[in-house]
N, C-alpha and C. Protein backbone atom coordinates (compact mmCIF):
# COMPACT_ATOMS: atom_id res chain seq x y z
N MET A 1 3.80 -25.07 -30.80
CA MET A 1 3.80 -25.50 -29.42
C MET A 1 4.56 -26.82 -29.28
N LYS A 2 4.29 -27.74 -30.23
CA LYS A 2 4.94 -29.04 -30.18
C LYS A 2 6.44 -28.87 -30.36
N LYS A 3 6.82 -27.93 -31.23
CA LYS A 3 8.24 -27.66 -31.47
C LYS A 3 8.89 -27.07 -30.22
N SER A 4 8.19 -26.17 -29.54
CA SER A 4 8.72 -25.55 -28.32
C SER A 4 8.93 -26.59 -27.23
N LEU A 5 7.97 -27.49 -27.08
CA LEU A 5 8.11 -28.52 -26.06
C LEU A 5 9.26 -29.46 -26.40
N SER A 6 9.42 -29.78 -27.68
CA SER A 6 10.53 -30.65 -28.08
C SER A 6 11.86 -29.98 -27.77
N ILE A 7 11.95 -28.70 -28.06
CA ILE A 7 13.19 -27.96 -27.78
C ILE A 7 13.46 -27.93 -26.28
N LEU A 8 12.42 -27.71 -25.48
CA LEU A 8 12.58 -27.67 -24.03
C LEU A 8 13.03 -29.02 -23.49
N VAL A 9 12.46 -30.10 -24.00
CA VAL A 9 12.84 -31.44 -23.55
C VAL A 9 14.30 -31.72 -23.90
N LEU A 10 14.70 -31.36 -25.12
CA LEU A 10 16.09 -31.56 -25.52
C LEU A 10 17.03 -30.72 -24.67
N LEU A 11 16.64 -29.49 -24.39
CA LEU A 11 17.46 -28.60 -23.58
C LEU A 11 17.63 -29.17 -22.16
N CYS A 12 16.54 -29.63 -21.58
CA CYS A 12 16.61 -30.20 -20.23
C CYS A 12 17.47 -31.46 -20.20
N ALA A 13 17.31 -32.30 -21.22
CA ALA A 13 18.09 -33.53 -21.27
C ALA A 13 19.57 -33.23 -21.42
N SER A 14 19.89 -32.26 -22.26
CA SER A 14 21.31 -31.92 -22.44
C SER A 14 21.89 -31.31 -21.18
N LEU A 15 21.10 -30.53 -20.45
CA LEU A 15 21.57 -29.96 -19.19
C LEU A 15 21.83 -31.05 -18.16
N ALA A 16 20.95 -32.01 -18.10
CA ALA A 16 21.10 -33.08 -17.12
C ALA A 16 22.35 -33.90 -17.38
N VAL A 17 22.72 -34.04 -18.65
CA VAL A 17 23.91 -34.82 -19.00
C VAL A 17 25.16 -33.96 -18.91
N ALA A 18 25.09 -32.73 -19.42
CA ALA A 18 26.28 -31.90 -19.54
C ALA A 18 26.68 -31.19 -18.24
N ALA A 19 25.71 -30.82 -17.41
CA ALA A 19 26.02 -30.02 -16.23
C ALA A 19 27.01 -30.70 -15.28
N PRO A 20 26.82 -31.99 -14.92
CA PRO A 20 27.81 -32.61 -14.02
C PRO A 20 29.19 -32.72 -14.65
N GLN A 21 29.25 -32.96 -15.97
CA GLN A 21 30.54 -33.07 -16.64
C GLN A 21 31.24 -31.72 -16.67
N VAL A 22 30.50 -30.67 -17.01
CA VAL A 22 31.09 -29.33 -17.06
C VAL A 22 31.53 -28.90 -15.67
N GLN A 23 30.72 -29.20 -14.67
CA GLN A 23 31.07 -28.82 -13.31
C GLN A 23 32.32 -29.56 -12.87
N ALA A 24 32.44 -30.84 -13.20
CA ALA A 24 33.62 -31.61 -12.82
C ALA A 24 34.86 -31.06 -13.53
N GLN A 25 34.73 -30.72 -14.81
CA GLN A 25 35.85 -30.16 -15.55
C GLN A 25 36.24 -28.80 -14.99
N THR A 26 35.24 -27.98 -14.64
CA THR A 26 35.51 -26.65 -14.12
C THR A 26 36.23 -26.73 -12.78
N SER A 27 35.77 -27.61 -11.88
CA SER A 27 36.42 -27.71 -10.57
C SER A 27 37.83 -28.25 -10.71
N THR A 28 38.07 -29.19 -11.64
CA THR A 28 39.41 -29.70 -11.87
C THR A 28 40.31 -28.60 -12.42
N THR A 29 39.79 -27.82 -13.36
CA THR A 29 40.56 -26.74 -13.94
C THR A 29 40.90 -25.69 -12.90
N LYS A 30 39.95 -25.33 -12.05
CA LYS A 30 40.20 -24.33 -11.02
C LYS A 30 41.27 -24.79 -10.06
N LYS A 31 41.23 -26.05 -9.64
CA LYS A 31 42.23 -26.57 -8.72
C LYS A 31 43.61 -26.53 -9.36
N THR A 32 43.70 -26.92 -10.61
CA THR A 32 44.98 -26.90 -11.31
C THR A 32 45.49 -25.47 -11.44
N THR A 33 44.60 -24.55 -11.79
CA THR A 33 44.99 -23.15 -11.94
C THR A 33 45.47 -22.57 -10.62
N LYS A 34 44.77 -22.87 -9.56
CA LYS A 34 45.17 -22.34 -8.25
C LYS A 34 46.54 -22.85 -7.85
N LYS A 35 46.82 -24.12 -8.10
CA LYS A 35 48.13 -24.67 -7.76
C LYS A 35 49.21 -24.01 -8.60
N ALA A 36 48.93 -23.80 -9.88
CA ALA A 36 49.91 -23.16 -10.75
C ALA A 36 50.18 -21.73 -10.31
N VAL A 37 49.15 -21.01 -9.92
CA VAL A 37 49.31 -19.63 -9.47
C VAL A 37 50.11 -19.59 -8.17
N LYS A 38 49.81 -20.51 -7.27
CA LYS A 38 50.52 -20.53 -5.99
C LYS A 38 52.00 -20.84 -6.18
N LYS A 39 52.35 -21.71 -7.13
CA LYS A 39 53.75 -22.02 -7.39
C LYS A 39 54.46 -20.85 -8.04
N ALA A 40 53.78 -20.17 -8.96
CA ALA A 40 54.40 -19.06 -9.67
C ALA A 40 54.56 -17.85 -8.76
N ALA A 41 53.55 -17.53 -8.00
CA ALA A 41 53.59 -16.38 -7.10
C ALA A 41 52.93 -16.79 -5.79
N PRO A 42 53.68 -17.31 -4.85
CA PRO A 42 53.09 -17.85 -3.64
C PRO A 42 52.34 -16.82 -2.79
N LYS A 43 52.66 -15.54 -2.87
CA LYS A 43 51.99 -14.54 -2.05
C LYS A 43 50.75 -13.97 -2.71
N ALA A 44 50.58 -14.17 -4.02
CA ALA A 44 49.44 -13.61 -4.74
C ALA A 44 48.26 -14.56 -4.65
N ALA A 45 47.10 -14.03 -4.27
CA ALA A 45 45.88 -14.82 -4.20
C ALA A 45 45.20 -14.79 -5.56
N PRO A 46 44.61 -15.91 -6.01
CA PRO A 46 43.93 -15.92 -7.30
C PRO A 46 42.70 -15.02 -7.26
N ALA A 47 42.46 -14.32 -8.35
CA ALA A 47 41.32 -13.42 -8.44
C ALA A 47 40.06 -14.22 -8.72
N GLU A 48 39.02 -13.98 -7.95
CA GLU A 48 37.74 -14.64 -8.14
C GLU A 48 36.88 -13.76 -9.05
N VAL A 49 36.09 -14.39 -9.90
CA VAL A 49 35.18 -13.67 -10.76
C VAL A 49 33.94 -13.32 -9.96
N ASP A 50 33.57 -12.05 -9.94
CA ASP A 50 32.39 -11.61 -9.19
C ASP A 50 31.21 -11.57 -10.14
N ASP A 51 30.34 -12.55 -10.04
CA ASP A 51 29.17 -12.58 -10.89
C ASP A 51 27.93 -12.03 -10.19
N GLY A 52 28.09 -11.49 -9.00
CA GLY A 52 26.98 -10.86 -8.30
C GLY A 52 26.09 -11.83 -7.57
N GLU A 53 26.38 -13.11 -7.58
CA GLU A 53 25.52 -14.09 -6.95
C GLU A 53 25.78 -14.20 -5.45
N ASP A 54 26.90 -13.66 -4.98
CA ASP A 54 27.23 -13.75 -3.56
C ASP A 54 26.89 -12.47 -2.82
N GLU A 55 26.07 -11.61 -3.40
CA GLU A 55 25.76 -10.33 -2.79
C GLU A 55 24.78 -10.43 -1.63
N GLY A 56 24.39 -11.60 -1.29
CA GLY A 56 23.42 -11.76 -0.22
C GLY A 56 22.01 -11.70 -0.78
N THR A 57 21.09 -11.22 0.01
CA THR A 57 19.70 -11.16 -0.41
C THR A 57 19.48 -10.04 -1.43
N PRO A 58 18.86 -10.36 -2.58
CA PRO A 58 18.61 -9.33 -3.59
C PRO A 58 17.62 -8.28 -3.08
N ASP A 59 17.77 -7.06 -3.57
CA ASP A 59 16.87 -5.97 -3.21
C ASP A 59 15.65 -6.05 -4.13
N ILE A 60 14.48 -6.29 -3.56
CA ILE A 60 13.27 -6.44 -4.37
C ILE A 60 12.25 -5.33 -4.11
N LYS A 61 12.70 -4.24 -3.49
CA LYS A 61 11.77 -3.17 -3.13
C LYS A 61 11.13 -2.52 -4.34
N THR A 62 11.89 -2.33 -5.43
CA THR A 62 11.37 -1.67 -6.62
C THR A 62 11.05 -2.66 -7.74
N SER A 63 11.03 -3.94 -7.42
CA SER A 63 10.81 -4.97 -8.43
C SER A 63 9.34 -5.32 -8.57
N THR A 64 9.01 -5.88 -9.73
CA THR A 64 7.67 -6.37 -9.99
C THR A 64 7.65 -7.87 -9.71
N ALA A 65 6.70 -8.32 -8.92
CA ALA A 65 6.61 -9.72 -8.54
C ALA A 65 5.56 -10.44 -9.36
N VAL A 66 5.91 -11.65 -9.80
CA VAL A 66 4.96 -12.52 -10.51
C VAL A 66 5.00 -13.88 -9.83
N ASP A 67 3.83 -14.32 -9.36
CA ASP A 67 3.71 -15.63 -8.71
C ASP A 67 3.47 -16.70 -9.76
N TYR A 68 4.16 -17.80 -9.63
CA TYR A 68 4.01 -18.94 -10.53
C TYR A 68 3.47 -20.12 -9.72
N HIS A 69 2.48 -20.79 -10.29
CA HIS A 69 1.91 -21.99 -9.69
C HIS A 69 2.36 -23.17 -10.55
N CYS A 70 2.97 -24.14 -9.91
CA CYS A 70 3.56 -25.27 -10.62
C CYS A 70 2.81 -26.54 -10.28
N GLU A 71 3.12 -27.60 -11.05
CA GLU A 71 2.47 -28.87 -10.76
C GLU A 71 2.96 -29.39 -9.41
N LEU A 72 2.22 -30.30 -8.86
CA LEU A 72 2.49 -30.91 -7.55
C LEU A 72 2.39 -29.89 -6.41
N GLY A 73 1.67 -28.80 -6.64
CA GLY A 73 1.44 -27.82 -5.59
C GLY A 73 2.60 -26.90 -5.27
N ASN A 74 3.66 -26.91 -6.08
CA ASN A 74 4.79 -26.03 -5.83
C ASN A 74 4.48 -24.61 -6.28
N ASN A 75 5.06 -23.65 -5.61
CA ASN A 75 4.90 -22.23 -5.96
C ASN A 75 6.26 -21.55 -5.89
N LEU A 76 6.43 -20.54 -6.74
CA LEU A 76 7.62 -19.72 -6.69
C LEU A 76 7.25 -18.32 -7.14
N THR A 77 8.08 -17.36 -6.82
CA THR A 77 7.85 -15.97 -7.20
C THR A 77 9.10 -15.45 -7.88
N ILE A 78 8.89 -14.74 -9.00
CA ILE A 78 10.00 -14.13 -9.72
C ILE A 78 9.84 -12.62 -9.64
N TYR A 79 10.92 -11.95 -9.25
CA TYR A 79 10.95 -10.50 -9.14
C TYR A 79 11.82 -9.96 -10.27
N THR A 80 11.25 -9.05 -11.07
CA THR A 80 12.00 -8.44 -12.16
C THR A 80 12.08 -6.94 -11.94
N ASN A 81 13.12 -6.34 -12.49
CA ASN A 81 13.34 -4.91 -12.37
C ASN A 81 13.50 -4.37 -13.78
N ALA A 82 12.75 -3.33 -14.14
CA ALA A 82 12.78 -2.77 -15.49
C ALA A 82 14.16 -2.24 -15.87
N GLU A 83 14.94 -1.77 -14.90
CA GLU A 83 16.26 -1.22 -15.20
C GLU A 83 17.34 -2.28 -15.35
N ASP A 84 17.08 -3.51 -14.90
CA ASP A 84 18.09 -4.57 -14.94
C ASP A 84 17.48 -5.84 -15.52
N ASP A 85 17.64 -6.01 -16.84
CA ASP A 85 17.09 -7.21 -17.47
C ASP A 85 18.09 -8.38 -17.47
N LYS A 86 19.26 -8.18 -16.86
CA LYS A 86 20.28 -9.23 -16.78
C LYS A 86 20.12 -10.12 -15.55
N HIS A 87 19.27 -9.72 -14.62
CA HIS A 87 19.10 -10.46 -13.37
C HIS A 87 17.63 -10.56 -12.99
N ILE A 88 17.30 -11.60 -12.27
CA ILE A 88 16.00 -11.72 -11.62
C ILE A 88 16.25 -12.20 -10.19
N ALA A 89 15.27 -12.01 -9.35
CA ALA A 89 15.31 -12.60 -8.02
C ALA A 89 14.22 -13.67 -8.01
N LEU A 90 14.54 -14.83 -7.47
CA LEU A 90 13.60 -15.94 -7.46
C LEU A 90 13.42 -16.42 -6.03
N ARG A 91 12.16 -16.43 -5.59
CA ARG A 91 11.86 -16.94 -4.25
C ARG A 91 11.38 -18.38 -4.41
N TRP A 92 12.18 -19.29 -3.90
CA TRP A 92 11.86 -20.72 -3.93
C TRP A 92 11.86 -21.19 -2.49
N GLY A 93 10.71 -21.59 -2.01
CA GLY A 93 10.57 -21.94 -0.60
C GLY A 93 10.67 -20.66 0.21
N LYS A 94 11.55 -20.65 1.19
CA LYS A 94 11.72 -19.46 2.02
C LYS A 94 12.94 -18.64 1.61
N ALA A 95 13.71 -19.15 0.63
CA ALA A 95 14.96 -18.48 0.23
C ALA A 95 14.74 -17.61 -1.00
N LEU A 96 15.46 -16.51 -1.05
CA LEU A 96 15.43 -15.59 -2.18
C LEU A 96 16.81 -15.62 -2.83
N HIS A 97 16.86 -15.93 -4.13
CA HIS A 97 18.13 -16.08 -4.85
C HIS A 97 18.19 -15.11 -6.02
N ARG A 98 19.38 -14.64 -6.31
CA ARG A 98 19.62 -13.79 -7.48
C ARG A 98 20.14 -14.66 -8.60
N LEU A 99 19.48 -14.60 -9.76
CA LEU A 99 19.88 -15.38 -10.91
C LEU A 99 20.31 -14.44 -12.03
N THR A 100 21.29 -14.86 -12.79
CA THR A 100 21.87 -14.06 -13.88
C THR A 100 21.45 -14.65 -15.22
N ARG A 101 21.10 -13.77 -16.16
CA ARG A 101 20.68 -14.21 -17.49
C ARG A 101 21.82 -14.90 -18.21
N VAL A 102 21.49 -16.01 -18.88
CA VAL A 102 22.42 -16.75 -19.72
C VAL A 102 21.87 -16.69 -21.14
N PRO A 103 22.66 -16.22 -22.10
CA PRO A 103 22.14 -16.11 -23.47
C PRO A 103 21.81 -17.49 -24.06
N THR A 104 20.74 -17.54 -24.85
CA THR A 104 20.33 -18.77 -25.51
C THR A 104 20.10 -18.50 -26.99
N THR A 105 20.14 -19.54 -27.79
CA THR A 105 19.86 -19.39 -29.22
C THR A 105 18.40 -19.71 -29.53
N THR A 106 17.68 -20.26 -28.56
CA THR A 106 16.29 -20.66 -28.79
C THR A 106 15.28 -19.56 -28.49
N GLY A 107 15.69 -18.51 -27.84
CA GLY A 107 14.77 -17.45 -27.46
C GLY A 107 14.15 -17.65 -26.08
N ALA A 108 14.47 -18.74 -25.43
CA ALA A 108 13.96 -18.98 -24.07
C ALA A 108 14.68 -18.06 -23.10
N ASN A 109 14.00 -17.68 -22.03
CA ASN A 109 14.64 -16.90 -20.97
C ASN A 109 15.30 -17.88 -20.02
N ARG A 110 16.62 -17.78 -19.90
CA ARG A 110 17.36 -18.70 -19.04
C ARG A 110 18.15 -17.88 -18.03
N PHE A 111 17.93 -18.19 -16.76
CA PHE A 111 18.62 -17.50 -15.68
C PHE A 111 19.24 -18.56 -14.78
N GLU A 112 20.45 -18.27 -14.27
CA GLU A 112 21.17 -19.28 -13.50
C GLU A 112 21.89 -18.66 -12.31
N ASN A 113 21.94 -19.41 -11.23
CA ASN A 113 22.77 -19.09 -10.08
C ASN A 113 23.66 -20.29 -9.85
N ARG A 114 24.90 -20.19 -10.29
CA ARG A 114 25.81 -21.33 -10.24
C ARG A 114 26.20 -21.72 -8.82
N LYS A 115 26.22 -20.76 -7.92
CA LYS A 115 26.59 -21.06 -6.53
C LYS A 115 25.61 -22.06 -5.91
N TYR A 116 24.33 -21.84 -6.12
CA TYR A 116 23.31 -22.71 -5.55
C TYR A 116 22.82 -23.76 -6.52
N GLY A 117 23.22 -23.68 -7.79
CA GLY A 117 22.82 -24.66 -8.79
C GLY A 117 21.41 -24.48 -9.30
N LEU A 118 20.83 -23.29 -9.14
CA LEU A 118 19.47 -23.05 -9.61
C LEU A 118 19.48 -22.59 -11.06
N LEU A 119 18.53 -23.11 -11.84
CA LEU A 119 18.41 -22.77 -13.24
C LEU A 119 16.94 -22.60 -13.56
N TRP A 120 16.55 -21.41 -14.01
CA TRP A 120 15.17 -21.12 -14.40
C TRP A 120 15.12 -20.97 -15.91
N ILE A 121 14.25 -21.73 -16.55
CA ILE A 121 14.05 -21.63 -17.99
C ILE A 121 12.59 -21.24 -18.20
N GLY A 122 12.39 -20.11 -18.87
CA GLY A 122 11.04 -19.63 -19.13
C GLY A 122 10.77 -19.56 -20.62
N ILE A 123 9.67 -20.17 -21.03
CA ILE A 123 9.21 -20.07 -22.40
C ILE A 123 7.82 -19.46 -22.35
N PRO A 124 7.26 -19.04 -23.48
CA PRO A 124 5.95 -18.38 -23.42
C PRO A 124 4.84 -19.20 -22.75
N ALA A 125 4.89 -20.51 -22.84
CA ALA A 125 3.81 -21.32 -22.30
C ALA A 125 3.99 -21.71 -20.84
N LYS A 126 5.25 -21.78 -20.35
CA LYS A 126 5.48 -22.24 -18.98
C LYS A 126 6.92 -21.99 -18.58
N GLY A 127 7.26 -22.37 -17.36
CA GLY A 127 8.62 -22.28 -16.87
C GLY A 127 8.99 -23.55 -16.13
N ILE A 128 10.30 -23.74 -15.95
CA ILE A 128 10.80 -24.91 -15.24
C ILE A 128 11.98 -24.48 -14.37
N LEU A 129 12.06 -25.00 -13.16
CA LEU A 129 13.16 -24.72 -12.25
C LEU A 129 13.94 -26.01 -12.05
N LEU A 130 15.25 -25.93 -12.30
CA LEU A 130 16.12 -27.10 -12.21
C LEU A 130 17.21 -26.90 -11.18
N ASP A 131 17.68 -28.00 -10.60
CA ASP A 131 18.85 -28.00 -9.75
C ASP A 131 19.98 -28.59 -10.59
N SER A 132 20.87 -27.74 -11.10
CA SER A 132 21.92 -28.20 -12.01
C SER A 132 23.02 -28.97 -11.28
N LYS A 133 23.14 -28.78 -9.98
CA LYS A 133 24.16 -29.53 -9.23
C LYS A 133 23.75 -30.99 -9.06
N LYS A 134 22.48 -31.21 -8.79
CA LYS A 134 21.99 -32.57 -8.57
C LYS A 134 21.37 -33.18 -9.82
N GLY A 135 21.13 -32.34 -10.85
CA GLY A 135 20.51 -32.83 -12.07
C GLY A 135 19.04 -33.19 -11.87
N LEU A 136 18.32 -32.39 -11.07
CA LEU A 136 16.92 -32.67 -10.75
C LEU A 136 16.02 -31.53 -11.17
N GLN A 137 14.76 -31.87 -11.44
CA GLN A 137 13.73 -30.85 -11.64
C GLN A 137 13.17 -30.49 -10.27
N LEU A 138 13.16 -29.22 -9.96
CA LEU A 138 12.58 -28.77 -8.70
C LEU A 138 11.11 -28.43 -8.88
N ALA A 139 10.78 -27.79 -10.01
CA ALA A 139 9.40 -27.42 -10.29
C ALA A 139 9.21 -27.41 -11.80
N ASN A 140 8.09 -27.98 -12.25
CA ASN A 140 7.79 -28.05 -13.67
C ASN A 140 6.37 -27.55 -13.90
N GLU A 141 6.09 -27.22 -15.15
CA GLU A 141 4.78 -26.71 -15.53
C GLU A 141 4.41 -25.48 -14.69
N CYS A 142 5.39 -24.60 -14.47
CA CYS A 142 5.14 -23.38 -13.70
C CYS A 142 4.50 -22.34 -14.60
N LYS A 143 3.37 -21.80 -14.17
CA LYS A 143 2.64 -20.84 -14.99
C LYS A 143 2.24 -19.63 -14.15
N SER A 144 2.41 -18.47 -14.76
CA SER A 144 1.94 -17.23 -14.14
C SER A 144 0.45 -17.12 -14.43
N PRO A 145 -0.24 -16.21 -13.77
CA PRO A 145 -1.67 -16.04 -14.07
C PRO A 145 -1.92 -15.71 -15.55
N ALA A 146 -1.02 -14.94 -16.18
CA ALA A 146 -1.18 -14.62 -17.61
C ALA A 146 -1.02 -15.87 -18.47
N GLN A 147 -0.10 -16.75 -18.11
CA GLN A 147 0.10 -17.98 -18.87
C GLN A 147 -1.06 -18.96 -18.67
N GLU A 148 -1.67 -18.93 -17.50
CA GLU A 148 -2.82 -19.81 -17.26
C GLU A 148 -4.02 -19.38 -18.08
N GLN A 149 -4.08 -18.09 -18.47
CA GLN A 149 -5.19 -17.58 -19.28
C GLN A 149 -5.05 -17.96 -20.75
N MET A 150 -3.82 -18.31 -21.16
CA MET A 150 -3.59 -18.66 -22.56
C MET A 150 -4.34 -19.95 -22.90
N PRO A 151 -4.93 -20.02 -24.11
CA PRO A 151 -5.62 -21.26 -24.48
C PRO A 151 -4.63 -22.40 -24.65
N ALA A 152 -5.03 -23.57 -24.23
CA ALA A 152 -4.17 -24.74 -24.36
C ALA A 152 -4.12 -25.17 -25.82
N ALA A 153 -2.96 -25.63 -26.24
CA ALA A 153 -2.81 -26.08 -27.61
C ALA A 153 -3.57 -27.38 -27.79
N ALA A 154 -4.30 -27.46 -28.89
CA ALA A 154 -5.06 -28.68 -29.17
C ALA A 154 -4.10 -29.79 -29.56
N PRO A 155 -4.34 -31.00 -29.08
CA PRO A 155 -3.46 -32.11 -29.45
C PRO A 155 -3.56 -32.36 -30.96
N ALA A 156 -2.45 -32.74 -31.53
CA ALA A 156 -2.40 -32.98 -32.95
C ALA A 156 -3.23 -34.21 -33.30
N ASP A 157 -4.03 -34.11 -34.35
CA ASP A 157 -4.83 -35.22 -34.81
C ASP A 157 -4.03 -36.01 -35.82
N PRO A 158 -3.69 -37.28 -35.51
CA PRO A 158 -2.86 -38.07 -36.44
C PRO A 158 -3.52 -38.25 -37.80
N ALA A 159 -4.83 -38.25 -37.87
CA ALA A 159 -5.51 -38.44 -39.16
C ALA A 159 -5.32 -37.24 -40.07
N ASN A 160 -5.20 -36.03 -39.50
CA ASN A 160 -5.02 -34.83 -40.31
C ASN A 160 -3.58 -34.57 -40.71
N SER A 161 -2.65 -35.24 -40.09
CA SER A 161 -1.25 -34.98 -40.37
C SER A 161 -0.75 -35.72 -41.60
N LEU A 162 -1.54 -36.58 -42.18
CA LEU A 162 -1.12 -37.32 -43.37
C LEU A 162 -1.18 -36.51 -44.55
């Protein structure tokens, strides 16, 4: 548990530092690419990558909903579909967003919507919702009813660790 929390803290810290830099580099690169394309072929429009995030409101009719209760009284709902493990729908406030899975090496479930800057990281003990554009935590210590039933890890006793 202590190792998982350490990994999560490191992951969040690296996202807070790296996300604005990557976003700035990406926007600079896109502008440069667009100018180069326009000079080379002025009538050709640059092709946009369709990641499915602009499809409007996700269809949640056949999805399974799980409510998460977070610290500071925040709540969110995640909708999953058994046929599509690459996407989830996340209801935050009154808005419903489609997030796409991002592969990780830690085993955490990471889903992101780059258009809105939403990032959901789920580990077995809890979940966290981040705003990658602003570098802020939107909701922390988010737990589903199943996660709330899990026994809390006992704090490490410094006397026994010697």
